[in-house]
């Protein structure tokens, strides 16, 4: 498969995946709005507590530490794969490509560490 066809195939798949994700989010929002509307129609007093729970801030699902670990693991996997293949040109470009996720992952990890350390110091 030529490289141009591969790029077009990957771009088309990514566009379809992003479209599906956004349509699912839109459906979820529509269902939530319908539920809130029905709750307000049935019992406005109960709807206030429902709206209070919906507008309450949510805790993060995992934060930057999981993203950092994934980015660092991706960077390390790219480097290891290029070293296993062993072609000098590929190793050079592979390591250059792995630098980006390694740097971003490390920055997120350091940021998460500093934020947690600041929260621990503030709790004392």
Protein backbone atom coordinates (compact mmCIF):
# COMPACT_ATOMS: atom_id res chain seq x y z
CA UNK A 1 0.00 0.00 0.00
CA UNK A 2 1.50 3.36 -1.00
CA UNK A 3 2.09 5.90 1.72
CA UNK A 4 -0.46 8.36 0.31
CA UNK A 5 -3.23 5.75 0.43
CA UNK A 6 -2.23 4.84 3.97
CA UNK A 7 -2.38 8.47 5.09
CA UNK A 8 -5.81 8.92 3.48
CA UNK A 9 -7.08 5.70 5.10
CA UNK A 10 -5.85 6.73 8.55
CA UNK A 11 -7.29 10.24 8.17
CA UNK A 12 -10.67 8.86 7.05
CA UNK A 13 -10.78 6.41 9.96
CA UNK A 14 -9.85 9.16 12.43
CA UNK A 15 -12.57 11.41 11.01
CA UNK A 16 -15.16 8.65 11.35
CA UNK A 17 -14.06 7.87 14.91
CA UNK A 18 -14.21 11.54 15.95
CA UNK A 19 -17.62 11.93 14.32
CA UNK A 20 -18.93 8.89 16.20
CA UNK A 21 -17.56 10.18 19.50
CA UNK A 22 -19.16 13.59 19.04
CA UNK A 23 -22.50 12.06 18.02
CA UNK A 24 -22.47 9.89 21.16
CA UNK A 25 -21.76 12.95 23.31
CA UNK A 26 -24.59 14.82 21.59
CA UNK A 27 -26.99 11.94 22.25
CA UNK A 28 -25.91 11.80 25.90
CA UNK A 29 -26.54 15.52 26.29
CA UNK A 30 -29.96 15.22 24.64
CA UNK A 31 -30.93 12.38 26.98
CA UNK A 32 -29.77 14.39 30.00
CA UNK A 33 -31.76 17.46 28.91
CA UNK A 34 -34.88 15.35 28.35
CA UNK A 35 -34.48 13.83 31.83
CA UNK A 36 -34.10 17.25 33.46
CA UNK A 37 -37.12 18.59 31.56
CA UNK A 38 -39.27 15.66 32.71
CA UNK A 39 -38.09 16.06 36.30
CA UNK A 40 -39.00 19.75 36.26
CA UNK A 41 -42.45 18.98 34.83
CA UNK A 42 -43.19 16.30 37.45
CA UNK A 43 -41.84 17.82 40.65
CA UNK A 44 -40.06 21.20 40.60
CA UNK A 45 -38.88 20.80 44.21
CA UNK A 46 -37.16 17.53 43.42
CA UNK A 47 -35.72 19.02 40.25
CA UNK A 48 -33.78 21.56 42.32
CA UNK A 49 -31.85 18.81 44.09
CA UNK A 50 -31.26 17.06 40.74
CA UNK A 51 -29.91 20.26 39.21
CA UNK A 52 -27.75 20.82 42.29
CA UNK A 53 -26.19 17.37 41.89
CA UNK A 54 -25.66 17.89 38.16
CA UNK A 55 -23.99 21.26 38.61
CA UNK A 56 -21.74 20.07 41.47
CA UNK A 57 -18.07 19.90 40.50
CA UNK A 58 -16.93 16.41 39.64
CA UNK A 59 -13.63 14.90 40.69
CA UNK A 60 -11.23 14.24 37.89
CA UNK A 61 -11.26 10.75 36.42
CA UNK A 62 -7.55 10.24 36.83
CA UNK A 63 -5.90 13.50 35.99
CA UNK A 64 -2.62 14.16 34.30
CA UNK A 65 -0.74 11.28 35.88
CA UNK A 66 -2.39 8.64 33.69
CA UNK A 67 -1.89 10.72 30.56
CA UNK A 68 1.75 11.25 31.52
CA UNK A 69 2.33 7.53 32.02
CA UNK A 70 0.71 6.75 28.66
CA UNK A 71 2.79 9.35 26.82
CA UNK A 72 6.04 8.20 28.43
CA UNK A 73 5.19 4.55 27.69
CA UNK A 74 4.45 5.49 24.07
CA UNK A 75 7.77 7.29 23.73
CA UNK A 76 9.70 4.40 25.27
CA UNK A 77 7.85 1.90 23.03
CA UNK A 78 8.78 3.89 19.92
CA UNK A 79 12.45 3.99 20.94
CA UNK A 80 12.53 0.27 21.76
CA UNK A 81 10.78 -0.67 18.50
CA UNK A 82 13.25 1.40 16.48
CA UNK A 83 16.21 -0.13 18.29
CA UNK A 84 14.88 -3.64 17.68
CA UNK A 85 14.45 -2.97 13.95
CA UNK A 86 17.99 -1.63 13.85
CA UNK A 87 18.04 0.42 10.62
CA UNK A 88 20.17 3.51 11.30
CA UNK A 89 17.84 5.91 9.47
CA UNK A 90 14.78 4.50 11.17
CA UNK A 91 16.43 4.64 14.61
CA UNK A 92 17.31 8.29 14.06
CA UNK A 93 13.80 9.30 12.98
CA UNK A 94 12.13 7.05 15.54
CA UNK A 95 14.03 8.56 18.44
CA UNK A 96 13.30 12.04 17.08
CA UNK A 97 9.60 11.14 16.96
CA UNK A 98 9.68 9.66 20.47
CA UNK A 99 11.10 12.85 21.99
CA UNK A 100 7.75 14.67 21.78
CA UNK A 101 5.65 12.24 23.86
CA UNK A 102 8.56 11.81 26.28
CA UNK A 103 8.87 15.55 26.89
CA UNK A 104 5.12 16.16 27.18
CA UNK A 105 4.65 13.12 29.42
CA UNK A 106 7.51 14.18 31.68
CA UNK A 107 6.13 17.73 31.89
CA UNK A 108 2.69 16.42 32.86
CA UNK A 109 4.22 14.10 35.42
CA UNK A 110 6.26 16.91 37.01
CA UNK A 111 3.20 19.21 36.99
CA UNK A 112 1.08 16.53 38.69
CA UNK A 113 3.81 15.99 41.30
CA UNK A 114 4.07 19.73 42.03
CA UNK A 115 0.28 20.12 42.30
CA UNK A 116 -0.03 17.13 44.65
CA UNK A 117 2.87 18.35 46.74
CA UNK A 118 1.26 21.80 46.99
CA UNK A 119 -2.06 20.24 48.00
CA UNK A 120 -0.33 18.16 50.68
CA UNK A 121 1.47 21.24 52.03
CA UNK A 122 -1.81 23.21 52.05
CA UNK A 123 -3.58 20.45 53.97
CA UNK A 124 -1.14 20.61 56.88
